[in-house]
Every structure is written in C-alpha cells, then in structure tokens.
Amino acid sequence: MSCGDSVPRKINIRILFFAKSRELSGVSEASFCLDTDNISSLELLNTISRLYNLESIKSTIVLAINQIYCDTESGEQLNLKEGDEIAIIPPLSGG
C-alpha cells in the first residue's frame, strides 16, 4: 500500500424501519456495521433491502439520513459517519 492509498473505515449506523418496511423486516430498528464510510445511496439501499427482506418494496423506498432525504435514483455518494441514523420510509397509504 502506498502513502496515497486510503483504508476503508468500518462504521456502525442505526437503521429505523417504518410502516411496511417494519412489517417485512420484522424489526423497528437495527444496528449495522458498514465496511466503508463512503458508499452511494443506491448501494446502501440495495444492501439494506437484501439484508432485511425489503426487495418487494425497494423501488418505492425513500431513505433519510439523519432526517434528511437522499436521492437513491442518482446514486449520490454518501459520506456516512459513526452513529448516523438511516430511516427506511416505504410508500405510505392511508385514507
């Protein structure tokens, strides 16, 4: 490894599940260790969907990081920090 190489840092994040995502995952929240602090919003969504049984609603999920919505369609690059809170917000229905 040269001096310019950076080593990915493992970080712990907190995931909050709401409505249908809570029902499908079977939990209201979870702690998760990421192997990197630099991940795209799309990669994060894909990882969470696969691990927590959310594939059936993945295309309609909105992610919020520390209560700020992020764009999963563009795959924006995220710079997550230890303890960040990721909210999984599924499509809402009601009447």
Foldseek 3Di string as FASTA:
>chain_A
DDPPDDQFDKAKEKEAEDDVLCVQQVHGIDIDIDRHQKFFLQVVLVVCCVVRVNVVQSVAKWKDKQNHTDDNVVRHIGRHDHHIYIYTHTDDDDD
